[in-house]
């Protein structure tokens, strides 16, 4: 009933202007809205152009009805409301992809310079409880810092997963942290001092966690919080190596775990456009449920 009344009311307004928009069962057909809006707007523009060509400029140009002006303003507002948020999100995601690749390169350069200066990593990390702090001190010598928190409180915040749960903090005293001049925050977490574990790569020692915009950002895994695997051979994106498989990708799409390899490899964050639900739709694209992200399918488009 409400839909019928809405259709009847808007039909009356549109009839006064000669501009028609598509309806079906009293509701807009979104797939036809773009062409209809462009038609209405172009008619409006052509009428303004005719005004300037006509000698009776003022008489003709002020002949638009209030309904016509309101309709054009309305349809422009609708189009803006539908498109601007998507464009904003796409722009922000593209920026984060660039930031993640940049910090990855910066970490690797610092790691390589530390080894060139102090020798093999296992010779100066010491293989004890202070390994994280010693590694942190070595690599940050070759990075520009805004603030160093080392083992004190600060530099990072409290985070949550993509589906909104599991709040966790990485702001504790256990591992050293710093904020770079770029605004990105890092945290060194060597949880296997002998580097004998496998986090997708042999000789894994632990992780380097990064927050792309520091503790005051959105603080959500796989949006601005990512992890790299620290090994004796170098630094690698978490989720890669032997862990690069469809199961890892589905878990990334669900909660944001191990998404770093996806971003570095595919240069997108399309996992944000999937269902973050722990059911049969997990990892499937919202705009097309027949598409599921995988090692073979890197986009929802």
C-alpha atoms as a PDB file:
ATOM      1  CA  UNK A   1       0.000   0.000   0.000  1.00  0.00           C
ATOM      2  CA  UNK A   2       2.795   2.418   0.907  1.00  0.00           C
ATOM      3  CA  UNK A   3       4.606   1.638  -2.328  1.00  0.00           C
ATOM      4  CA  UNK A   4       1.431   2.365  -4.328  1.00  0.00           C
ATOM      5  CA  UNK A   5       0.924   5.719  -2.603  1.00  0.00           C
ATOM      6  CA  UNK A   6       4.564   6.654  -3.206  1.00  0.00           C
ATOM      7  CA  UNK A   7       4.228   5.790  -6.903  1.00  0.00           C
ATOM      8  CA  UNK A   8       0.988   7.751  -7.246  1.00  0.00           C
ATOM      9  CA  UNK A   9       2.431  10.832  -5.557  1.00  0.00           C
ATOM     10  CA  UNK A  10       5.693  10.903  -7.529  1.00  0.00           C
ATOM     11  CA  UNK A  11       3.874  10.144 -10.800  1.00  0.00           C
ATOM     12  CA  UNK A  12       1.834  13.306 -10.228  1.00  0.00           C
ATOM     13  CA  UNK A  13       4.948  15.411  -9.656  1.00  0.00           C
ATOM     14  CA  UNK A  14       6.750  13.949 -12.638  1.00  0.00           C
ATOM     15  CA  UNK A  15       3.759  14.462 -14.895  1.00  0.00           C
ATOM     16  CA  UNK A  16       3.942  18.203 -14.297  1.00  0.00           C
ATOM     17  CA  UNK A  17       7.513  18.291 -15.596  1.00  0.00           C
ATOM     18  CA  UNK A  18       7.357  15.754 -18.392  1.00  0.00           C
ATOM     19  CA  UNK A  19      10.250  13.813 -16.824  1.00  0.00           C
ATOM     20  CA  UNK A  20       9.581  10.123 -16.177  1.00  0.00           C
ATOM     21  CA  UNK A  21      11.503   7.632 -14.086  1.00  0.00           C
ATOM     22  CA  UNK A  22      11.071   3.825 -14.265  1.00  0.00           C
ATOM     23  CA  UNK A  23       8.768   2.100 -11.791  1.00  0.00           C
ATOM     24  CA  UNK A  24       7.896  -1.530 -11.134  1.00  0.00           C
ATOM     25  CA  UNK A  25       5.267  -2.452  -8.530  1.00  0.00           C
ATOM     26  CA  UNK A  26       5.532   1.051  -7.107  1.00  0.00           C
ATOM     27  CA  UNK A  27       9.325   0.903  -6.595  1.00  0.00           C
ATOM     28  CA  UNK A  28      12.308   2.125  -8.609  1.00  0.00           C
ATOM     29  CA  UNK A  29      14.055  -0.337 -10.874  1.00  0.00           C
ATOM     30  CA  UNK A  30      17.644   0.334  -9.884  1.00  0.00           C
ATOM     31  CA  UNK A  31      19.030  -1.128 -13.071  1.00  0.00           C
ATOM     32  CA  UNK A  32      17.116   1.516 -15.115  1.00  0.00           C
ATOM     33  CA  UNK A  33      17.633   4.419 -12.729  1.00  0.00           C
ATOM     34  CA  UNK A  34      20.929   5.599 -14.232  1.00  0.00           C
ATOM     35  CA  UNK A  35      19.609   6.024 -17.769  1.00  0.00           C
ATOM     36  CA  UNK A  36      16.413   7.700 -16.540  1.00  0.00           C
ATOM     37  CA  UNK A  37      18.320  10.152 -14.359  1.00  0.00           C
ATOM     38  CA  UNK A  38      20.641  11.037 -17.226  1.00  0.00           C
ATOM     39  CA  UNK A  39      17.642  11.603 -19.515  1.00  0.00           C
ATOM     40  CA  UNK A  40      15.928  13.899 -17.004  1.00  0.00           C
ATOM     41  CA  UNK A  41      19.120  15.812 -16.299  1.00  0.00           C
ATOM     42  CA  UNK A  42      20.009  16.202 -19.980  1.00  0.00           C
ATOM     43  CA  UNK A  43      16.494  17.544 -20.737  1.00  0.00           C
ATOM     44  CA  UNK A  44      16.956  20.071 -17.955  1.00  0.00           C
ATOM     45  CA  UNK A  45      20.362  21.167 -19.278  1.00  0.00           C
ATOM     46  CA  UNK A  46      19.064  21.524 -22.829  1.00  0.00           C
ATOM     47  CA  UNK A  47      16.268  23.770 -21.591  1.00  0.00           C
ATOM     48  CA  UNK A  48      18.805  26.009 -19.869  1.00  0.00           C
ATOM     49  CA  UNK A  49      20.875  26.108 -23.067  1.00  0.00           C
ATOM     50  CA  UNK A  50      17.791  27.131 -25.051  1.00  0.00           C
ATOM     51  CA  UNK A  51      17.298  29.990 -22.600  1.00  0.00           C
ATOM     52  CA  UNK A  52      20.682  31.456 -23.429  1.00  0.00           C
ATOM     53  CA  UNK A  53      19.960  31.266 -27.166  1.00  0.00           C
ATOM     54  CA  UNK A  54      16.594  32.969 -26.799  1.00  0.00           C
ATOM     55  CA  UNK A  55      16.333  36.729 -26.803  1.00  0.00           C
ATOM     56  CA  UNK A  56      13.716  36.669 -24.084  1.00  0.00           C
ATOM     57  CA  UNK A  57      16.400  35.343 -21.713  1.00  0.00           C
ATOM     58  CA  UNK A  58      14.919  36.272 -18.358  1.00  0.00           C
ATOM     59  CA  UNK A  59      11.386  35.348 -19.311  1.00  0.00           C
ATOM     60  CA  UNK A  60      12.374  31.937 -20.629  1.00  0.00           C
ATOM     61  CA  UNK A  61      14.950  31.027 -17.979  1.00  0.00           C
ATOM     62  CA  UNK A  62      12.718  31.744 -15.075  1.00  0.00           C
ATOM     63  CA  UNK A  63       9.950  29.640 -16.601  1.00  0.00           C
ATOM     64  CA  UNK A  64      11.092  26.426 -14.873  1.00  0.00           C
ATOM     65  CA  UNK A  65       8.610  25.111 -12.387  1.00  0.00           C
ATOM     66  CA  UNK A  66       9.525  24.402  -8.798  1.00  0.00           C
ATOM     67  CA  UNK A  67       8.746  20.728  -9.411  1.00  0.00           C
ATOM     68  CA  UNK A  68      11.289  20.587 -12.242  1.00  0.00           C
ATOM     69  CA  UNK A  69      14.035  22.148 -10.148  1.00  0.00           C
ATOM     70  CA  UNK A  70      13.316  19.903  -7.162  1.00  0.00           C
ATOM     71  CA  UNK A  71      13.258  16.785  -9.340  1.00  0.00           C
ATOM     72  CA  UNK A  72      16.659  17.526 -10.871  1.00  0.00           C
ATOM     73  CA  UNK A  73      18.129  18.304  -7.455  1.00  0.00           C
ATOM     74  CA  UNK A  74      16.582  15.123  -6.098  1.00  0.00           C
ATOM     75  CA  UNK A  75      17.876  12.775  -8.786  1.00  0.00           C
ATOM     76  CA  UNK A  76      21.366  14.290  -8.590  1.00  0.00           C
ATOM     77  CA  UNK A  77      21.261  13.747  -4.825  1.00  0.00           C
ATOM     78  CA  UNK A  78      20.154  10.129  -5.251  1.00  0.00           C
ATOM     79  CA  UNK A  79      22.959   9.385  -7.709  1.00  0.00           C
ATOM     80  CA  UNK A  80      25.495  11.048  -5.398  1.00  0.00           C
ATOM     81  CA  UNK A  81      24.230   9.076  -2.391  1.00  0.00           C
ATOM     82  CA  UNK A  82      24.529   5.811  -4.328  1.00  0.00           C
ATOM     83  CA  UNK A  83      27.962   6.387  -5.834  1.00  0.00           C
ATOM     84  CA  UNK A  84      30.023   8.568  -3.491  1.00  0.00           C
ATOM     85  CA  UNK A  85      30.309   6.033  -0.597  1.00  0.00           C
ATOM     86  CA  UNK A  86      31.455   3.315  -3.006  1.00  0.00           C
ATOM     87  CA  UNK A  87      33.987   5.632  -4.624  1.00  0.00           C
ATOM     88  CA  UNK A  88      35.267   6.709  -1.203  1.00  0.00           C
ATOM     89  CA  UNK A  89      35.714   3.109  -0.045  1.00  0.00           C
ATOM     90  CA  UNK A  90      37.413   2.113  -3.290  1.00  0.00           C
ATOM     91  CA  UNK A  91      39.821   5.052  -3.013  1.00  0.00           C
ATOM     92  CA  UNK A  92      40.639   4.271   0.628  1.00  0.00           C
ATOM     93  CA  UNK A  93      41.216   0.587  -0.143  1.00  0.00           C
ATOM     94  CA  UNK A  94      43.540   1.485  -3.014  1.00  0.00           C
ATOM     95  CA  UNK A  95      45.483   3.780  -0.666  1.00  0.00           C
ATOM     96  CA  UNK A  96      45.822   0.967   1.886  1.00  0.00           C
ATOM     97  CA  UNK A  97      47.109  -1.417  -0.783  1.00  0.00           C
ATOM     98  CA  UNK A  98      49.807   1.119  -1.639  1.00  0.00           C
ATOM     99  CA  UNK A  99      50.643   1.690   2.035  1.00  0.00           C
ATOM    100  CA  UNK A 100      50.965  -2.039   2.723  1.00  0.00           C
ATOM    101  CA  UNK A 101      53.310  -2.561  -0.205  1.00  0.00           C
ATOM    102  CA  UNK A 102      55.366   0.436   0.879  1.00  0.00           C
ATOM    103  CA  UNK A 103      55.806  -0.758   4.488  1.00  0.00           C
ATOM    104  CA  UNK A 104      56.631  -4.254   3.204  1.00  0.00           C
ATOM    105  CA  UNK A 105      59.428  -2.800   1.109  1.00  0.00           C
ATOM    106  CA  UNK A 106      60.604  -0.612   3.999  1.00  0.00           C
ATOM    107  CA  UNK A 107      60.738  -3.548   6.431  1.00  0.00           C
ATOM    108  CA  UNK A 108      62.710  -5.666   3.986  1.00  0.00           C
ATOM    109  CA  UNK A 109      65.225  -2.886   3.395  1.00  0.00           C
ATOM    110  CA  UNK A 110      65.716  -2.397   7.130  1.00  0.00           C
ATOM    111  CA  UNK A 111      66.067  -6.171   7.645  1.00  0.00           C
ATOM    112  CA  UNK A 112      68.688  -6.446   4.902  1.00  0.00           C
ATOM    113  CA  UNK A 113      70.665  -3.453   6.176  1.00  0.00           C
ATOM    114  CA  UNK A 114      70.657  -4.851   9.717  1.00  0.00           C
ATOM    115  CA  UNK A 115      72.092  -8.141   8.442  1.00  0.00           C
ATOM    116  CA  UNK A 116      74.693  -6.305   6.362  1.00  0.00           C
ATOM    117  CA  UNK A 117      75.727  -4.347   9.452  1.00  0.00           C
ATOM    118  CA  UNK A 118      75.506  -6.947  12.219  1.00  0.00           C
ATOM    119  CA  UNK A 119      75.778 -10.263  10.406  1.00  0.00           C
ATOM    120  CA  UNK A 120      73.287 -13.185  10.281  1.00  0.00           C
ATOM    121  CA  UNK A 121      70.105 -12.587  12.247  1.00  0.00           C
ATOM    122  CA  UNK A 122      70.542 -15.545  14.622  1.00  0.00           C
ATOM    123  CA  UNK A 123      73.879 -14.086  15.780  1.00  0.00           C
ATOM    124  CA  UNK A 124      72.319 -10.945  17.211  1.00  0.00           C
ATOM    125  CA  UNK A 125      68.780 -11.916  18.179  1.00  0.00           C
ATOM    126  CA  UNK A 126      70.299 -14.223  20.804  1.00  0.00           C
ATOM    127  CA  UNK A 127      67.584 -16.886  20.822  1.00  0.00           C
ATOM    128  CA  UNK A 128      66.191 -15.837  24.214  1.00  0.00           C
ATOM    129  CA  UNK A 129      63.295 -13.886  25.701  1.00  0.00           C
ATOM    130  CA  UNK A 130      64.855 -10.576  24.588  1.00  0.00           C
ATOM    131  CA  UNK A 131      65.070 -11.618  20.931  1.00  0.00           C
ATOM    132  CA  UNK A 132      62.122  -9.409  19.900  1.00  0.00           C
ATOM    133  CA  UNK A 133      63.641  -6.316  21.495  1.00  0.00           C
ATOM    134  CA  UNK A 134      67.098  -6.883  20.010  1.00  0.00           C
ATOM    135  CA  UNK A 135      65.661  -7.413  16.524  1.00  0.00           C
ATOM    136  CA  UNK A 136      63.456  -4.318  16.958  1.00  0.00           C
ATOM    137  CA  UNK A 137      66.424  -2.165  17.979  1.00  0.00           C
ATOM    138  CA  UNK A 138      68.472  -3.340  15.003  1.00  0.00           C
ATOM    139  CA  UNK A 139      65.934  -2.763  12.242  1.00  0.00           C
ATOM    140  CA  UNK A 140      64.608   0.551  13.618  1.00  0.00           C
ATOM    141  CA  UNK A 141      68.129   1.966  13.284  1.00  0.00           C
ATOM    142  CA  UNK A 142      67.398   1.982   9.561  1.00  0.00           C
ATOM    143  CA  UNK A 143      63.822   3.320   9.759  1.00  0.00           C
ATOM    144  CA  UNK A 144      62.531   6.827  10.409  1.00  0.00           C
ATOM    145  CA  UNK A 145      60.562   6.820  13.656  1.00  0.00           C
ATOM    146  CA  UNK A 146      58.003   9.254  14.970  1.00  0.00           C
ATOM    147  CA  UNK A 147      57.794   7.489  18.314  1.00  0.00           C
ATOM    148  CA  UNK A 148      59.378   4.397  19.865  1.00  0.00           C
ATOM    149  CA  UNK A 149      57.419   2.581  22.562  1.00  0.00           C
ATOM    150  CA  UNK A 150      59.782  -0.374  22.785  1.00  0.00           C
ATOM    151  CA  UNK A 151      58.335  -2.594  25.555  1.00  0.00           C
ATOM    152  CA  UNK A 152      56.205   0.146  27.116  1.00  0.00           C
ATOM    153  CA  UNK A 153      52.493   0.735  26.650  1.00  0.00           C
ATOM    154  CA  UNK A 154      51.394   2.615  23.548  1.00  0.00           C
ATOM    155  CA  UNK A 155      51.850   2.958  19.762  1.00  0.00           C
ATOM    156  CA  UNK A 156      49.115   0.399  18.955  1.00  0.00           C
ATOM    157  CA  UNK A 157      45.519  -0.075  20.026  1.00  0.00           C
ATOM    158  CA  UNK A 158      42.673  -2.565  20.355  1.00  0.00           C
ATOM    159  CA  UNK A 159      41.518  -4.372  17.223  1.00  0.00           C
ATOM    160  CA  UNK A 160      38.620  -6.423  15.950  1.00  0.00           C
ATOM    161  CA  UNK A 161      38.029  -8.880  13.130  1.00  0.00           C
ATOM    162  CA  UNK A 162      36.050  -8.240   9.938  1.00  0.00           C
ATOM    163  CA  UNK A 163      32.876  -9.801  11.350  1.00  0.00           C
ATOM    164  CA  UNK A 164      33.048  -7.411  14.314  1.00  0.00           C
ATOM    165  CA  UNK A 165      34.025  -9.817  17.083  1.00  0.00           C
ATOM    166  CA  UNK A 166      37.123 -10.952  18.914  1.00  0.00           C
ATOM    167  CA  UNK A 167      38.440  -7.648  20.198  1.00  0.00           C
ATOM    168  CA  UNK A 168      42.121  -8.041  20.992  1.00  0.00           C
ATOM    169  CA  UNK A 169      44.919  -5.742  22.040  1.00  0.00           C
ATOM    170  CA  UNK A 170      48.487  -5.662  20.751  1.00  0.00           C
ATOM    171  CA  UNK A 171      49.372  -2.703  22.939  1.00  0.00           C
ATOM    172  CA  UNK A 172      50.883  -4.759  25.753  1.00  0.00           C
ATOM    173  CA  UNK A 173      54.355  -4.689  27.289  1.00  0.00           C
ATOM    174  CA  UNK A 174      55.332  -8.065  25.809  1.00  0.00           C
ATOM    175  CA  UNK A 175      56.668  -6.944  22.437  1.00  0.00           C
ATOM    176  CA  UNK A 176      58.378  -3.747  21.197  1.00  0.00           C
ATOM    177  CA  UNK A 177      56.436  -1.252  19.110  1.00  0.00           C
ATOM    178  CA  UNK A 178      56.963   2.014  17.244  1.00  0.00           C
ATOM    179  CA  UNK A 179      55.188   4.562  15.074  1.00  0.00           C
ATOM    180  CA  UNK A 180      57.021   5.492  11.887  1.00  0.00           C
ATOM    181  CA  UNK A 181      57.143   9.002  10.443  1.00  0.00           C
ATOM    182  CA  UNK A 182      54.720   7.818   7.767  1.00  0.00           C
ATOM    183  CA  UNK A 183      52.134   7.233  10.521  1.00  0.00           C
ATOM    184  CA  UNK A 184      52.307   3.462  10.198  1.00  0.00           C
ATOM    185  CA  UNK A 185      52.834   1.522  13.455  1.00  0.00           C
ATOM    186  CA  UNK A 186      54.880  -1.696  13.727  1.00  0.00           C
ATOM    187  CA  UNK A 187      55.255  -4.413  16.357  1.00  0.00           C
ATOM    188  CA  UNK A 188      57.924  -7.148  16.491  1.00  0.00           C
ATOM    189  CA  UNK A 189      56.705 -10.473  17.879  1.00  0.00           C
ATOM    190  CA  UNK A 190      59.330 -13.226  17.945  1.00  0.00           C
ATOM    191  CA  UNK A 191      57.452 -16.065  19.645  1.00  0.00           C
ATOM    192  CA  UNK A 192      59.812 -18.851  18.540  1.00  0.00           C
ATOM    193  CA  UNK A 193      63.313 -17.760  19.497  1.00  0.00           C
ATOM    194  CA  UNK A 194      64.943 -20.731  17.756  1.00  0.00           C
ATOM    195  CA  UNK A 195      63.063 -19.998  14.506  1.00  0.00           C
ATOM    196  CA  UNK A 196      62.039 -23.632  13.990  1.00  0.00           C
ATOM    197  CA  UNK A 197      58.310 -23.137  13.418  1.00  0.00           C
ATOM    198  CA  UNK A 198      56.553 -22.906  10.028  1.00  0.00           C
ATOM    199  CA  UNK A 199      54.056 -20.086   9.433  1.00  0.00           C
ATOM    200  CA  UNK A 200      53.885 -20.898   5.747  1.00  0.00           C
ATOM    201  CA  UNK A 201      57.646 -20.413   5.443  1.00  0.00           C
ATOM    202  CA  UNK A 202      60.515 -22.488   6.834  1.00  0.00           C
ATOM    203  CA  UNK A 203      62.559 -21.136   9.748  1.00  0.00           C
ATOM    204  CA  UNK A 204      59.794 -18.810  10.926  1.00  0.00           C
ATOM    205  CA  UNK A 205      60.582 -16.845  14.081  1.00  0.00           C
ATOM    206  CA  UNK A 206      57.363 -14.908  14.550  1.00  0.00           C
ATOM    207  CA  UNK A 207      55.543 -11.898  13.136  1.00  0.00           C
ATOM    208  CA  UNK A 208      55.889  -8.228  12.385  1.00  0.00           C
ATOM    209  CA  UNK A 209      52.457  -6.663  12.783  1.00  0.00           C
ATOM    210  CA  UNK A 210      51.663  -3.356  11.086  1.00  0.00           C
ATOM    211  CA  UNK A 211      48.896  -0.801  11.489  1.00  0.00           C
ATOM    212  CA  UNK A 212      48.752   1.265   8.311  1.00  0.00           C
ATOM    213  CA  UNK A 213      47.386   4.420   9.919  1.00  0.00           C
ATOM    214  CA  UNK A 214      48.411   4.021  13.545  1.00  0.00           C
ATOM    215  CA  UNK A 215      46.284   3.364  16.635  1.00  0.00           C
ATOM    216  CA  UNK A 216      43.696   6.036  15.821  1.00  0.00           C
ATOM    217  CA  UNK A 217      42.521   4.449  12.586  1.00  0.00           C
ATOM    218  CA  UNK A 218      39.727   1.927  12.075  1.00  0.00           C
ATOM    219  CA  UNK A 219      41.738  -0.805  13.825  1.00  0.00           C
ATOM    220  CA  UNK A 220      40.259  -3.747  11.921  1.00  0.00           C
ATOM    221  CA  UNK A 221      42.206  -6.755  10.684  1.00  0.00           C
ATOM    222  CA  UNK A 222      42.683  -6.864   6.903  1.00  0.00           C
ATOM    223  CA  UNK A 223      41.600  -3.220   6.580  1.00  0.00           C
ATOM    224  CA  UNK A 224      44.407  -1.380   8.343  1.00  0.00           C
ATOM    225  CA  UNK A 225      46.009  -4.127  10.479  1.00  0.00           C
ATOM    226  CA  UNK A 226      48.191  -6.775   8.793  1.00  0.00           C
ATOM    227  CA  UNK A 227      50.929  -9.274   9.659  1.00  0.00           C
ATOM    228  CA  UNK A 228      54.183 -10.330   8.031  1.00  0.00           C
ATOM    229  CA  UNK A 229      56.096 -13.510   8.855  1.00  0.00           C
ATOM    230  CA  UNK A 230      59.635 -12.971  10.129  1.00  0.00           C
ATOM    231  CA  UNK A 231      62.072 -15.739   9.176  1.00  0.00           C
ATOM    232  CA  UNK A 232      65.841 -16.120   9.262  1.00  0.00           C
ATOM    233  CA  UNK A 233      65.768 -15.711   5.465  1.00  0.00           C
ATOM    234  CA  UNK A 234      63.661 -12.558   5.333  1.00  0.00           C
ATOM    235  CA  UNK A 235      60.180 -11.098   5.789  1.00  0.00           C
ATOM    236  CA  UNK A 236      57.159 -12.487   3.944  1.00  0.00           C
ATOM    237  CA  UNK A 237      53.410 -11.738   3.747  1.00  0.00           C
ATOM    238  CA  UNK A 238      51.334 -13.803   6.171  1.00  0.00           C
ATOM    239  CA  UNK A 239      49.035 -16.170   4.307  1.00  0.00           C
ATOM    240  CA  UNK A 240      51.593 -16.990   1.628  1.00  0.00           C
ATOM    241  CA  UNK A 241      54.122 -19.749   1.109  1.00  0.00           C
ATOM    242  CA  UNK A 242      52.714 -23.202   1.855  1.00  0.00           C
ATOM    243  CA  UNK A 243      49.680 -21.527   3.452  1.00  0.00           C
ATOM    244  CA  UNK A 244      48.525 -20.034   0.139  1.00  0.00           C
ATOM    245  CA  UNK A 245      45.384 -22.088  -0.544  1.00  0.00           C
ATOM    246  CA  UNK A 246      41.628 -21.695  -0.771  1.00  0.00           C
ATOM    247  CA  UNK A 247      41.108 -22.434   2.906  1.00  0.00           C
ATOM    248  CA  UNK A 248      43.374 -19.544   3.896  1.00  0.00           C
ATOM    249  CA  UNK A 249      41.591 -17.232   1.449  1.00  0.00           C
ATOM    250  CA  UNK A 250      38.173 -18.178   2.842  1.00  0.00           C
ATOM    251  CA  UNK A 251      39.364 -17.514   6.397  1.00  0.00           C
ATOM    252  CA  UNK A 252      40.784 -14.196   5.233  1.00  0.00           C
ATOM    253  CA  UNK A 253      37.419 -13.238   3.735  1.00  0.00           C
ATOM    254  CA  UNK A 254      35.616 -14.287   6.914  1.00  0.00           C
ATOM    255  CA  UNK A 255      37.620 -12.705   9.684  1.00  0.00           C
ATOM    256  CA  UNK A 256      40.599 -10.982   8.088  1.00  0.00           C
ATOM    257  CA  UNK A 257      43.185 -13.556   9.154  1.00  0.00           C
ATOM    258  CA  UNK A 258      46.255 -13.946   6.920  1.00  0.00           C
ATOM    259  CA  UNK A 259      45.074 -11.478   4.256  1.00  0.00           C
ATOM    260  CA  UNK A 260      48.486  -9.887   3.741  1.00  0.00           C
ATOM    261  CA  UNK A 261      49.509 -12.286   0.966  1.00  0.00           C
ATOM    262  CA  UNK A 262      46.207 -11.623  -0.821  1.00  0.00           C
ATOM    263  CA  UNK A 263      46.795  -7.852  -0.911  1.00  0.00           C
ATOM    264  CA  UNK A 264      50.462  -8.085  -1.947  1.00  0.00           C
ATOM    265  CA  UNK A 265      49.728 -10.698  -4.608  1.00  0.00           C
ATOM    266  CA  UNK A 266      46.464  -9.331  -6.079  1.00  0.00           C
ATOM    267  CA  UNK A 267      46.767  -5.586  -5.357  1.00  0.00           C
ATOM    268  CA  UNK A 268      43.189  -5.395  -4.114  1.00  0.00           C
ATOM    269  CA  UNK A 269      41.020  -5.874  -1.033  1.00  0.00           C
ATOM    270  CA  UNK A 270      38.119  -7.612  -2.718  1.00  0.00           C
ATOM    271  CA  UNK A 271      37.705  -9.908   0.289  1.00  0.00           C
ATOM    272  CA  UNK A 272      35.956  -6.901   1.873  1.00  0.00           C
ATOM    273  CA  UNK A 273      33.197  -7.377  -0.720  1.00  0.00           C
ATOM    274  CA  UNK A 274      32.379 -10.901   0.481  1.00  0.00           C
ATOM    275  CA  UNK A 275      30.100 -12.315   3.176  1.00  0.00           C
ATOM    276  CA  UNK A 276      31.812 -12.278   6.584  1.00  0.00           C
ATOM    277  CA  UNK A 277      29.488 -14.980   7.899  1.00  0.00           C
ATOM    278  CA  UNK A 278      30.466 -18.382   9.230  1.00  0.00           C
ATOM    279  CA  UNK A 279      28.148 -20.346   6.935  1.00  0.00           C
ATOM    280  CA  UNK A 280      27.962 -21.628   3.354  1.00  0.00           C
ATOM    281  CA  UNK A 281      28.223 -18.045   2.017  1.00  0.00           C
ATOM    282  CA  UNK A 282      31.605 -17.423   3.678  1.00  0.00           C
ATOM    283  CA  UNK A 283      33.999 -16.023   1.102  1.00  0.00           C
ATOM    284  CA  UNK A 284      31.329 -15.549  -1.581  1.00  0.00           C
ATOM    285  CA  UNK A 285      30.956 -12.176  -3.275  1.00  0.00           C
ATOM    286  CA  UNK A 286      28.041 -10.021  -2.125  1.00  0.00           C
ATOM    287  CA  UNK A 287      27.332  -8.693  -5.616  1.00  0.00           C
ATOM    288  CA  UNK A 288      27.373 -12.204  -7.112  1.00  0.00           C
ATOM    289  CA  UNK A 289      26.942 -15.168  -4.795  1.00  0.00           C
ATOM    290  CA  UNK A 290      28.075 -17.506  -7.572  1.00  0.00           C
ATOM    291  CA  UNK A 291      31.599 -16.073  -7.309  1.00  0.00           C
ATOM    292  CA  UNK A 292      33.885 -17.182  -4.486  1.00  0.00           C
ATOM    293  CA  UNK A 293      37.379 -15.835  -4.016  1.00  0.00           C
ATOM    294  CA  UNK A 294      40.099 -18.441  -4.486  1.00  0.00           C
ATOM    295  CA  UNK A 295      43.645 -18.938  -5.725  1.00  0.00           C
ATOM    296  CA  UNK A 296      42.183 -18.873  -9.248  1.00  0.00           C
ATOM    297  CA  UNK A 297      39.658 -16.061  -8.754  1.00  0.00           C
ATOM    298  CA  UNK A 298      41.164 -12.845  -7.402  1.00  0.00           C
ATOM    299  CA  UNK A 299      38.255 -10.421  -7.763  1.00  0.00           C
ATOM    300  CA  UNK A 300      34.513 -10.056  -7.261  1.00  0.00           C
ATOM    301  CA  UNK A 301      34.182  -7.920 -10.416  1.00  0.00           C
END
